[in-house]
PDB file of N, CA and C in Angstrom:
ATOM      1  N   UNK A   1     131.539  45.438  83.178  1.00  0.00           N
ATOM      2  CA  UNK A   1     131.693  46.280  81.980  1.00  0.00           C
ATOM      3  C   UNK A   1     130.342  46.925  81.609  1.00  0.00           C
ATOM      4  N   UNK A   2     129.312  46.110  81.579  1.00  0.00           N
ATOM      5  CA  UNK A   2     127.997  46.622  81.205  1.00  0.00           C
ATOM      6  C   UNK A   2     127.515  47.677  82.195  1.00  0.00           C
ATOM      7  N   UNK A   3     127.776  47.443  83.476  1.00  0.00           N
ATOM      8  CA  UNK A   3     127.312  48.361  84.519  1.00  0.00           C
ATOM      9  C   UNK A   3     127.918  49.755  84.354  1.00  0.00           C
ATOM     10  N   UNK A   4     129.203  49.804  84.071  1.00  0.00           N
ATOM     11  CA  UNK A   4     129.870  51.101  83.931  1.00  0.00           C
ATOM     12  C   UNK A   4     129.338  51.871  82.722  1.00  0.00           C
ATOM     13  N   UNK A   5     129.067  51.175  81.632  1.00  0.00           N
ATOM     14  CA  UNK A   5     128.518  51.812  80.431  1.00  0.00           C
ATOM     15  C   UNK A   5     127.129  52.355  80.736  1.00  0.00           C
ATOM     16  N   UNK A   6     126.335  51.569  81.453  1.00  0.00           N
ATOM     17  CA  UNK A   6     124.990  51.990  81.829  1.00  0.00           C
ATOM     18  C   UNK A   6     125.054  53.205  82.748  1.00  0.00           C
ATOM     19  N   UNK A   7     125.999  53.195  83.674  1.00  0.00           N
ATOM     20  CA  UNK A   7     126.164  54.315  84.606  1.00  0.00           C
ATOM     21  C   UNK A   7     126.536  55.589  83.864  1.00  0.00           C
ATOM     22  N   UNK A   8     127.453  55.481  82.896  1.00  0.00           N
ATOM     23  CA  UNK A   8     127.868  56.636  82.092  1.00  0.00           C
ATOM     24  C   UNK A   8     126.680  57.173  81.282  1.00  0.00           C
ATOM     25  N   UNK A   9     125.905  56.265  80.711  1.00  0.00           N
ATOM     26  CA  UNK A   9     124.724  56.670  79.937  1.00  0.00           C
ATOM     27  C   UNK A   9     123.736  57.421  80.816  1.00  0.00           C
ATOM     28  N   UNK A  10     123.480  56.879  82.019  1.00  0.00           N
ATOM     29  CA  UNK A  10     122.545  57.529  82.935  1.00  0.00           C
ATOM     30  C   UNK A  10     123.079  58.880  83.401  1.00  0.00           C
ATOM     31  N   UNK A  11     124.391  58.969  83.621  1.00  0.00           N
ATOM     32  CA  UNK A  11     124.992  60.226  84.062  1.00  0.00           C
ATOM     33  C   UNK A  11     124.838  61.302  82.990  1.00  0.00           C
ATOM     34  N   UNK A  12     125.103  60.945  81.724  1.00  0.00           N
ATOM     35  CA  UNK A  12     124.969  61.889  80.603  1.00  0.00           C
ATOM     36  C   UNK A  12     123.511  62.315  80.454  1.00  0.00           C
ATOM     37  N   UNK A  13     122.600  61.341  80.524  1.00  0.00           N
ATOM     38  CA  UNK A  13     121.174  61.636  80.387  1.00  0.00           C
ATOM     39  C   UNK A  13     120.698  62.551  81.511  1.00  0.00           C
ATOM     40  N   UNK A  14     121.148  62.253  82.737  1.00  0.00           N
ATOM     41  CA  UNK A  14     120.738  63.031  83.904  1.00  0.00           C
ATOM     42  C   UNK A  14     121.274  64.459  83.830  1.00  0.00           C
ATOM     43  N   UNK A  15     122.530  64.610  83.419  1.00  0.00           N
ATOM     44  CA  UNK A  15     123.124  65.950  83.325  1.00  0.00           C
ATOM     45  C   UNK A  15     122.430  66.769  82.227  1.00  0.00           C
ATOM     46  N   UNK A  16     122.108  66.119  81.106  1.00  0.00           N
ATOM     47  CA  UNK A  16     121.382  66.800  80.031  1.00  0.00           C
ATOM     48  C   UNK A  16     120.009  67.236  80.511  1.00  0.00           C
ATOM     49  N   UNK A  17     119.340  66.344  81.252  1.00  0.00           N
ATOM     50  CA  UNK A  17     118.009  66.604  81.794  1.00  0.00           C
ATOM     51  C   UNK A  17     118.042  67.810  82.732  1.00  0.00           C
ATOM     52  N   UNK A  18     119.046  67.832  83.618  1.00  0.00           N
ATOM     53  CA  UNK A  18     119.184  68.929  84.583  1.00  0.00           C
ATOM     54  C   UNK A  18     119.475  70.241  83.867  1.00  0.00           C
ATOM     55  N   UNK A  19     120.373  70.219  82.883  1.00  0.00           N
ATOM     56  CA  UNK A  19     120.721  71.428  82.134  1.00  0.00           C
ATOM     57  C   UNK A  19     119.512  71.967  81.378  1.00  0.00           C
ATOM     58  N   UNK A  20     118.748  71.062  80.747  1.00  0.00           N
ATOM     59  CA  UNK A  20     117.567  71.475  79.993  1.00  0.00           C
ATOM     60  C   UNK A  20     116.565  72.163  80.905  1.00  0.00           C
ATOM     61  N   UNK A  21     116.309  71.553  82.071  1.00  0.00           N
ATOM     62  CA  UNK A  21     115.333  72.133  82.989  1.00  0.00           C
ATOM     63  C   UNK A  21     115.847  73.418  83.617  1.00  0.00           C
ATOM     64  N   UNK A  22     117.181  73.500  83.833  1.00  0.00           N
ATOM     65  CA  UNK A  22     117.762  74.721  84.398  1.00  0.00           C
ATOM     66  C   UNK A  22     117.557  75.899  83.435  1.00  0.00           C
ATOM     67  N   UNK A  23     117.849  75.687  82.156  1.00  0.00           N
ATOM     68  CA  UNK A  23     117.684  76.762  81.173  1.00  0.00           C
ATOM     69  C   UNK A  23     116.217  77.076  80.926  1.00  0.00           C
ATOM     70  N   UNK A  24     115.369  76.034  80.946  1.00  0.00           N
ATOM     71  CA  UNK A  24     113.931  76.249  80.781  1.00  0.00           C
ATOM     72  C   UNK A  24     113.394  77.113  81.913  1.00  0.00           C
ATOM     73  N   UNK A  25     113.810  76.806  83.152  1.00  0.00           N
ATOM     74  CA  UNK A  25     113.361  77.575  84.316  1.00  0.00           C
ATOM     75  C   UNK A  25     113.894  78.997  84.260  1.00  0.00           C
ATOM     76  N   UNK A  26     115.138  79.161  83.806  1.00  0.00           N
ATOM     77  CA  UNK A  26     115.746  80.482  83.706  1.00  0.00           C
ATOM     78  C   UNK A  26     114.967  81.354  82.716  1.00  0.00           C
ATOM     79  N   UNK A  27     114.624  80.779  81.568  1.00  0.00           N
ATOM     80  CA  UNK A  27     113.857  81.514  80.555  1.00  0.00           C
ATOM     81  C   UNK A  27     112.462  81.827  81.080  1.00  0.00           C
ATOM     82  N   UNK A  28     111.846  80.847  81.770  1.00  0.00           N
ATOM     83  CA  UNK A  28     110.515  81.051  82.330  1.00  0.00           C
ATOM     84  C   UNK A  28     110.523  82.177  83.364  1.00  0.00           C
ATOM     85  N   UNK A  29     111.555  82.189  84.214  1.00  0.00           N
ATOM     86  CA  UNK A  29     111.687  83.238  85.237  1.00  0.00           C
ATOM     87  C   UNK A  29     111.866  84.600  84.579  1.00  0.00           C
ATOM     88  N   UNK A  30     112.672  84.652  83.511  1.00  0.00           N
ATOM     89  CA  UNK A  30     112.899  85.923  82.809  1.00  0.00           C
ATOM     90  C   UNK A  30     111.607  86.455  82.195  1.00  0.00           C
ATOM     91  N   UNK A  31     110.829  85.586  81.561  1.00  0.00           N
ATOM     92  CA  UNK A  31     109.560  86.015  80.973  1.00  0.00           C
ATOM     93  C   UNK A  31     108.584  86.450  82.058  1.00  0.00           C
ATOM     94  N   UNK A  32     108.562  85.662  83.171  1.00  0.00           N
ATOM     95  CA  UNK A  32     107.677  85.996  84.286  1.00  0.00           C
ATOM     96  C   UNK A  32     108.026  87.354  84.869  1.00  0.00           C
ATOM     97  N   UNK A  33     109.323  87.612  85.049  1.00  0.00           N
ATOM     98  CA  UNK A  33     109.782  88.893  85.598  1.00  0.00           C
ATOM     99  C   UNK A  33     109.488  90.029  84.633  1.00  0.00           C
ATOM    100  N   UNK A  34     109.626  89.755  83.345  1.00  0.00           N
ATOM    101  CA  UNK A  34     109.363  90.773  82.324  1.00  0.00           C
ATOM    102  C   UNK A  34     107.907  91.235  82.371  1.00  0.00           C
ATOM    103  N   UNK A  35     106.977  90.255  82.435  1.00  0.00           N
ATOM    104  CA  UNK A  35     105.558  90.600  82.498  1.00  0.00           C
ATOM    105  C   UNK A  35     105.205  91.232  83.839  1.00  0.00           C
ATOM    106  N   UNK A  36     105.865  90.768  84.909  1.00  0.00           N
ATOM    107  CA  UNK A  36     105.634  91.328  86.239  1.00  0.00           C
ATOM    108  C   UNK A  36     106.100  92.780  86.286  1.00  0.00           C
ATOM    109  N   UNK A  37     107.208  93.079  85.620  1.00  0.00           N
ATOM    110  CA  UNK A  37     107.744  94.441  85.591  1.00  0.00           C
ATOM    111  C   UNK A  37     106.802  95.391  84.853  1.00  0.00           C
ATOM    112  N   UNK A  38     106.147  94.905  83.803  1.00  0.00           N
ATOM    113  CA  UNK A  38     105.196  95.732  83.055  1.00  0.00           C
ATOM    114  C   UNK A  38     104.037  96.146  83.953  1.00  0.00           C
ATOM    115  N   UNK A  39     103.544  95.181  84.757  1.00  0.00           N
ATOM    116  CA  UNK A  39     102.382  95.462  85.603  1.00  0.00           C
ATOM    117  C   UNK A  39     102.755  96.219  86.878  1.00  0.00           C
ATOM    118  N   UNK A  40     104.006  96.107  87.316  1.00  0.00           N
ATOM    119  CA  UNK A  40     104.432  96.766  88.559  1.00  0.00           C
ATOM    120  C   UNK A  40     105.253  98.029  88.294  1.00  0.00           C
ATOM    121  N   UNK A  41     105.052  98.653  87.157  1.00  0.00           N
ATOM    122  CA  UNK A  41     105.728  99.912  86.833  1.00  0.00           C
ATOM    123  C   UNK A  41     107.248  99.769  86.811  1.00  0.00           C
ATOM    124  N   UNK A  42     107.713  98.655  86.268  1.00  0.00           N
ATOM    125  CA  UNK A  42     109.138  98.382  86.090  1.00  0.00           C
ATOM    126  C   UNK A  42     109.919  98.357  87.418  1.00  0.00           C
ATOM    127  N   UNK A  43     109.267  97.864  88.469  1.00  0.00           N
ATOM    128  CA  UNK A  43     110.007  97.587  89.711  1.00  0.00           C
ATOM    129  C   UNK A  43     110.686  96.238  89.538  1.00  0.00           C
ATOM    130  N   UNK A  44     112.018  96.236  89.523  1.00  0.00           N
ATOM    131  CA  UNK A  44     112.763  95.005  89.213  1.00  0.00           C
ATOM    132  C   UNK A  44     113.040  94.241  90.495  1.00  0.00           C
ATOM    133  N   UNK A  45     112.691  92.967  90.480  1.00  0.00           N
ATOM    134  CA  UNK A  45     112.965  92.098  91.623  1.00  0.00           C
ATOM    135  C   UNK A  45     114.445  91.693  91.620  1.00  0.00           C
ATOM    136  N   UNK A  46     115.054  91.479  92.792  1.00  0.00           N
ATOM    137  CA  UNK A  46     116.471  91.097  92.851  1.00  0.00           C
ATOM    138  C   UNK A  46     116.756  89.762  92.162  1.00  0.00           C
ATOM    139  N   UNK A  47     115.814  88.824  92.230  1.00  0.00           N
ATOM    140  CA  UNK A  47     115.987  87.524  91.580  1.00  0.00           C
ATOM    141  C   UNK A  47     116.047  87.663  90.068  1.00  0.00           C
ATOM    142  N   UNK A  48     115.294  88.589  89.527  1.00  0.00           N
ATOM    143  CA  UNK A  48     115.266  88.804  88.082  1.00  0.00           C
ATOM    144  C   UNK A  48     116.580  89.408  87.601  1.00  0.00           C
ATOM    145  N   UNK A  49     117.128  90.294  88.401  1.00  0.00           N
ATOM    146  CA  UNK A  49     118.419  90.891  88.049  1.00  0.00           C
ATOM    147  C   UNK A  49     119.499  89.824  87.982  1.00  0.00           C
ATOM    148  N   UNK A  50     119.482  88.920  88.952  1.00  0.00           N
ATOM    149  CA  UNK A  50     120.469  87.842  88.975  1.00  0.00           C
ATOM    150  C   UNK A  50     120.295  86.933  87.762  1.00  0.00           C
ATOM    151  N   UNK A  51     119.046  86.635  87.416  1.00  0.00           N
ATOM    152  CA  UNK A  51     118.775  85.772  86.268  1.00  0.00           C
ATOM    153  C   UNK A  51     119.220  86.437  84.974  1.00  0.00           C
ATOM    154  N   UNK A  52     118.945  87.732  84.830  1.00  0.00           N
ATOM    155  CA  UNK A  52     119.355  88.465  83.625  1.00  0.00           C
ATOM    156  C   UNK A  52     120.876  88.501  83.506  1.00  0.00           C
ATOM    157  N   UNK A  53     121.544  88.775  84.654  1.00  0.00           N
ATOM    158  CA  UNK A  53     122.992  88.839  84.657  1.00  0.00           C
ATOM    159  C   UNK A  53     123.588  87.503  84.239  1.00  0.00           C
ATOM    160  N   UNK A  54     122.980  86.419  84.748  1.00  0.00           N
ATOM    161  CA  UNK A  54     123.500  85.086  84.447  1.00  0.00           C
ATOM    162  C   UNK A  54     123.279  84.736  82.980  1.00  0.00           C
ATOM    163  N   UNK A  55     122.177  85.190  82.424  1.00  0.00           N
ATOM    164  CA  UNK A  55     121.837  84.828  81.044  1.00  0.00           C
ATOM    165  C   UNK A  55     122.679  85.618  80.044  1.00  0.00           C
ATOM    166  N   UNK A  56     122.916  86.900  80.327  1.00  0.00           N
ATOM    167  CA  UNK A  56     123.599  87.737  79.340  1.00  0.00           C
ATOM    168  C   UNK A  56     125.113  87.650  79.410  1.00  0.00           C
ATOM    169  N   UNK A  57     125.669  87.228  80.577  1.00  0.00           N
ATOM    170  CA  UNK A  57     127.135  87.150  80.682  1.00  0.00           C
ATOM    171  C   UNK A  57     127.669  85.881  80.073  1.00  0.00           C
TER     172      UNK A  57
END
């Protein structure tokens, strides 16, 4: 009984951890691409387009 409760707790914690880092990385990539676009005359990288599409949809 105790093991299953511990497993569920770890699963919830791990999924929250992954989601937090996923969104943090997404925001970081968007800011990085934004500043990169300013310096590169608004040449948009394909990865940035995908990140923007994922964030706004």
